N, C-alpha and C. Protein backbone atom coordinates (compact mmCIF):
# COMPACT_ATOMS: atom_id res chain seq x y z
N MET A 1 77.09 -73.54 -207.26
CA MET A 1 77.94 -72.85 -206.32
C MET A 1 78.02 -73.66 -205.03
N THR A 2 79.22 -73.79 -204.51
CA THR A 2 79.45 -74.51 -203.27
C THR A 2 79.99 -73.55 -202.23
N ILE A 3 79.43 -73.61 -201.04
CA ILE A 3 79.88 -72.78 -199.93
C ILE A 3 80.30 -73.73 -198.81
N THR A 4 81.51 -73.57 -198.32
CA THR A 4 81.98 -74.38 -197.21
C THR A 4 82.10 -73.49 -195.99
N THR A 5 81.43 -73.89 -194.91
CA THR A 5 81.38 -73.08 -193.70
C THR A 5 81.96 -73.86 -192.53
N PRO A 6 82.98 -73.32 -191.85
CA PRO A 6 83.50 -74.02 -190.68
C PRO A 6 82.54 -73.92 -189.50
N LEU A 7 82.45 -74.99 -188.76
CA LEU A 7 81.64 -74.99 -187.53
C LEU A 7 82.58 -74.79 -186.35
N ARG A 8 82.14 -74.05 -185.39
CA ARG A 8 82.94 -73.85 -184.20
C ARG A 8 82.21 -74.46 -183.02
N PRO A 9 82.84 -75.04 -182.03
CA PRO A 9 84.28 -75.09 -181.82
C PRO A 9 84.94 -76.32 -182.45
N SER A 10 84.25 -77.10 -183.24
CA SER A 10 84.83 -78.33 -183.79
C SER A 10 85.58 -78.05 -185.08
N ARG A 11 86.20 -79.09 -185.62
CA ARG A 11 86.91 -78.96 -186.88
C ARG A 11 85.99 -79.28 -188.06
N ARG A 12 84.78 -79.65 -187.80
CA ARG A 12 83.84 -80.02 -188.84
C ARG A 12 83.47 -78.83 -189.72
N THR A 13 83.18 -79.12 -190.97
CA THR A 13 82.72 -78.09 -191.88
C THR A 13 81.48 -78.58 -192.60
N VAL A 14 80.64 -77.64 -192.96
CA VAL A 14 79.42 -77.93 -193.71
C VAL A 14 79.63 -77.43 -195.13
N GLU A 15 79.34 -78.29 -196.09
CA GLU A 15 79.40 -77.90 -197.49
C GLU A 15 77.97 -77.72 -197.99
N THR A 16 77.67 -76.53 -198.50
CA THR A 16 76.34 -76.21 -198.99
C THR A 16 76.42 -76.05 -200.51
N ILE A 17 75.67 -76.88 -201.22
CA ILE A 17 75.71 -76.89 -202.68
C ILE A 17 74.34 -76.45 -203.19
N ALA A 18 74.31 -75.33 -203.91
CA ALA A 18 73.06 -74.84 -204.48
C ALA A 18 72.63 -75.77 -205.61
N LEU A 19 71.41 -76.28 -205.53
CA LEU A 19 70.85 -77.11 -206.59
C LEU A 19 70.02 -76.26 -207.54
N THR A 20 69.29 -75.31 -206.95
CA THR A 20 68.52 -74.31 -207.69
C THR A 20 68.63 -73.01 -206.90
N GLU A 21 67.89 -71.99 -207.31
CA GLU A 21 67.90 -70.74 -206.54
C GLU A 21 67.24 -70.89 -205.18
N SER A 22 66.46 -71.95 -205.00
CA SER A 22 65.72 -72.12 -203.74
C SER A 22 65.90 -73.50 -203.11
N SER A 23 66.95 -74.21 -203.50
CA SER A 23 67.20 -75.52 -202.87
C SER A 23 68.69 -75.79 -202.79
N TRP A 24 69.07 -76.51 -201.72
CA TRP A 24 70.47 -76.77 -201.43
C TRP A 24 70.65 -78.18 -200.92
N ARG A 25 71.82 -78.75 -201.21
CA ARG A 25 72.23 -80.03 -200.63
C ARG A 25 73.30 -79.67 -199.60
N VAL A 26 73.19 -80.23 -198.39
CA VAL A 26 74.12 -79.89 -197.32
C VAL A 26 74.86 -81.16 -196.89
N CYS A 27 76.20 -81.07 -196.91
CA CYS A 27 77.04 -82.24 -196.64
C CYS A 27 78.07 -81.96 -195.57
N ASP A 28 78.59 -83.03 -194.99
CA ASP A 28 79.71 -82.96 -194.06
C ASP A 28 80.97 -82.97 -194.90
N ALA A 29 81.60 -81.82 -195.06
CA ALA A 29 82.76 -81.68 -195.94
C ALA A 29 84.00 -82.38 -195.41
N ASP A 30 83.96 -82.84 -194.17
CA ASP A 30 85.11 -83.56 -193.63
C ASP A 30 85.15 -85.02 -194.06
N LEU A 31 84.07 -85.48 -194.68
CA LEU A 31 84.04 -86.86 -195.17
C LEU A 31 84.36 -86.87 -196.66
N PRO A 32 84.92 -87.98 -197.15
CA PRO A 32 85.27 -88.06 -198.58
C PRO A 32 84.05 -87.92 -199.48
N ASP A 33 84.27 -87.40 -200.69
CA ASP A 33 83.18 -87.22 -201.65
C ASP A 33 82.45 -88.51 -201.97
N ASP A 34 83.14 -89.63 -201.92
CA ASP A 34 82.50 -90.90 -202.27
C ASP A 34 81.82 -91.59 -201.09
N ASP A 35 81.76 -90.93 -199.95
CA ASP A 35 81.09 -91.46 -198.76
C ASP A 35 79.65 -90.96 -198.74
N ALA A 36 78.70 -91.86 -198.96
CA ALA A 36 77.29 -91.48 -199.03
C ALA A 36 76.78 -90.89 -197.71
N THR A 37 77.43 -91.20 -196.61
CA THR A 37 76.97 -90.69 -195.31
C THR A 37 77.33 -89.22 -195.11
N ARG A 38 78.06 -88.62 -196.05
CA ARG A 38 78.39 -87.20 -195.91
C ARG A 38 77.17 -86.31 -196.11
N LEU A 39 76.13 -86.83 -196.76
CA LEU A 39 74.90 -86.06 -196.99
C LEU A 39 74.12 -85.94 -195.68
N ILE A 40 73.88 -84.70 -195.25
CA ILE A 40 73.17 -84.45 -194.00
C ILE A 40 71.70 -84.13 -194.28
N ALA A 41 71.46 -83.27 -195.28
CA ALA A 41 70.08 -82.83 -195.53
C ALA A 41 69.97 -82.13 -196.88
N TYR A 42 68.73 -82.00 -197.31
CA TYR A 42 68.37 -81.11 -198.41
C TYR A 42 67.53 -79.99 -197.81
N VAL A 43 67.74 -78.78 -198.28
CA VAL A 43 66.97 -77.62 -197.81
C VAL A 43 66.28 -77.01 -199.02
N GLU A 44 64.98 -76.75 -198.88
CA GLU A 44 64.24 -76.17 -199.99
C GLU A 44 63.28 -75.10 -199.48
N GLN A 45 63.26 -73.97 -200.17
CA GLN A 45 62.31 -72.91 -199.83
C GLN A 45 60.97 -73.26 -200.45
N ASN A 46 59.90 -73.12 -199.65
CA ASN A 46 58.55 -73.34 -200.15
C ASN A 46 57.66 -72.19 -199.68
N ASP A 47 56.36 -72.34 -199.85
CA ASP A 47 55.42 -71.26 -199.52
C ASP A 47 55.37 -70.90 -198.03
N VAL A 48 55.74 -71.83 -197.16
CA VAL A 48 55.64 -71.58 -195.72
C VAL A 48 56.98 -71.34 -195.05
N GLY A 49 58.07 -71.47 -195.77
CA GLY A 49 59.38 -71.25 -195.18
C GLY A 49 60.44 -72.10 -195.86
N PHE A 50 61.26 -72.74 -195.04
CA PHE A 50 62.36 -73.55 -195.54
C PHE A 50 62.23 -74.95 -194.97
N GLU A 51 62.01 -75.90 -195.84
CA GLU A 51 61.84 -77.29 -195.43
C GLU A 51 63.18 -78.00 -195.49
N VAL A 52 63.50 -78.70 -194.41
CA VAL A 52 64.72 -79.50 -194.35
C VAL A 52 64.31 -80.96 -194.41
N LEU A 53 64.79 -81.64 -195.44
CA LEU A 53 64.60 -83.09 -195.57
C LEU A 53 65.87 -83.73 -195.02
N TRP A 54 65.75 -84.32 -193.83
CA TRP A 54 66.90 -84.89 -193.15
C TRP A 54 67.31 -86.21 -193.77
N MET A 55 68.60 -86.39 -193.93
CA MET A 55 69.15 -87.64 -194.44
C MET A 55 69.95 -88.37 -193.36
N TRP A 56 70.12 -87.73 -192.22
CA TRP A 56 70.77 -88.34 -191.05
C TRP A 56 70.09 -87.85 -189.80
N PRO A 57 69.78 -88.64 -188.81
CA PRO A 57 70.09 -90.06 -188.71
C PRO A 57 69.05 -90.95 -189.38
N PHE A 58 67.87 -90.42 -189.66
CA PHE A 58 66.80 -91.20 -190.29
C PHE A 58 66.36 -90.51 -191.56
N PRO A 59 66.75 -91.03 -192.71
CA PRO A 59 66.37 -90.38 -193.97
C PRO A 59 64.85 -90.26 -194.11
N GLY A 60 64.43 -89.09 -194.57
CA GLY A 60 63.02 -88.91 -194.89
C GLY A 60 62.22 -88.04 -193.94
N SER A 61 62.73 -87.77 -192.74
CA SER A 61 61.98 -86.90 -191.85
C SER A 61 62.18 -85.44 -192.29
N CYS A 62 61.14 -84.63 -192.11
CA CYS A 62 61.17 -83.23 -192.55
C CYS A 62 60.86 -82.29 -191.39
N THR A 63 61.48 -81.13 -191.43
CA THR A 63 61.21 -80.06 -190.49
C THR A 63 61.14 -78.76 -191.29
N THR A 64 60.18 -77.89 -190.96
CA THR A 64 60.05 -76.61 -191.64
C THR A 64 60.46 -75.48 -190.70
N TYR A 65 61.23 -74.54 -191.22
CA TYR A 65 61.71 -73.39 -190.46
C TYR A 65 61.24 -72.12 -191.16
N ALA A 66 61.00 -71.07 -190.39
CA ALA A 66 60.51 -69.81 -190.94
C ALA A 66 61.59 -69.08 -191.75
N ALA A 67 62.86 -69.22 -191.34
CA ALA A 67 63.94 -68.48 -191.98
C ALA A 67 65.06 -69.43 -192.40
N LEU A 68 65.78 -69.04 -193.43
CA LEU A 68 66.90 -69.85 -193.92
C LEU A 68 67.97 -70.01 -192.85
N ASP A 69 68.25 -68.94 -192.11
CA ASP A 69 69.24 -69.02 -191.04
C ASP A 69 68.87 -70.08 -190.01
N GLU A 70 67.59 -70.17 -189.67
CA GLU A 70 67.13 -71.18 -188.71
C GLU A 70 67.36 -72.58 -189.26
N ALA A 71 67.08 -72.77 -190.54
CA ALA A 71 67.27 -74.08 -191.16
C ALA A 71 68.74 -74.49 -191.12
N PHE A 72 69.62 -73.57 -191.48
CA PHE A 72 71.05 -73.91 -191.47
C PHE A 72 71.60 -74.06 -190.06
N GLU A 73 71.04 -73.34 -189.10
CA GLU A 73 71.42 -73.55 -187.70
C GLU A 73 71.07 -74.97 -187.26
N ALA A 74 69.90 -75.43 -187.67
CA ALA A 74 69.47 -76.80 -187.33
C ALA A 74 70.38 -77.83 -187.98
N VAL A 75 70.78 -77.58 -189.21
CA VAL A 75 71.71 -78.50 -189.90
C VAL A 75 73.05 -78.53 -189.17
N THR A 76 73.54 -77.37 -188.76
CA THR A 76 74.79 -77.29 -188.02
C THR A 76 74.70 -78.08 -186.71
N GLU A 77 73.59 -77.94 -186.02
CA GLU A 77 73.39 -78.68 -184.77
C GLU A 77 73.33 -80.19 -185.03
N ARG A 78 72.68 -80.59 -186.10
CA ARG A 78 72.59 -82.01 -186.45
C ARG A 78 73.99 -82.56 -186.73
N LEU A 79 74.83 -81.79 -187.38
CA LEU A 79 76.20 -82.24 -187.64
C LEU A 79 76.98 -82.37 -186.34
N ARG A 80 76.77 -81.46 -185.42
CA ARG A 80 77.42 -81.58 -184.10
C ARG A 80 76.97 -82.85 -183.39
N GLN A 81 75.68 -83.15 -183.48
CA GLN A 81 75.16 -84.38 -182.86
C GLN A 81 75.80 -85.61 -183.50
N ARG A 82 75.95 -85.58 -184.81
CA ARG A 82 76.55 -86.72 -185.50
C ARG A 82 78.00 -86.89 -185.06
N ARG A 83 78.74 -85.81 -184.92
CA ARG A 83 80.11 -85.88 -184.48
C ARG A 83 80.19 -86.51 -183.09
N THR A 84 79.31 -86.08 -182.20
CA THR A 84 79.27 -86.63 -180.84
C THR A 84 78.95 -88.11 -180.88
N PHE A 85 78.00 -88.50 -181.72
CA PHE A 85 77.60 -89.90 -181.86
C PHE A 85 78.78 -90.75 -182.34
N ARG A 86 79.49 -90.25 -183.35
CA ARG A 86 80.63 -91.01 -183.90
C ARG A 86 81.77 -91.11 -182.90
N GLU A 87 82.00 -90.06 -182.14
CA GLU A 87 83.08 -90.09 -181.15
C GLU A 87 82.75 -91.06 -180.02
N ALA A 88 81.47 -91.22 -179.70
CA ALA A 88 81.06 -92.11 -178.62
C ALA A 88 81.07 -93.58 -179.07
N SER A 89 80.98 -93.80 -180.37
CA SER A 89 80.93 -95.18 -180.90
C SER A 89 82.28 -95.85 -180.88
């Protein structure tokens, strides 16, 4: 199942793809499917909450959040940061 969520106030959208019942791949839906940089993070539920494995800007760093909403809020913020970074470049 794929869920596409618009971010406000920008035109960016987040695509959330369920990998299992407790894990998701989160992408920048405004980038082409064949663009590897569209992958923002993986989110997985574990015993302590929801772990986000960041793929941008530095692949491999992890952050754990108590609630799924907090994890997706962080992903949304990361996408906003990426947009700002790209616009400044």
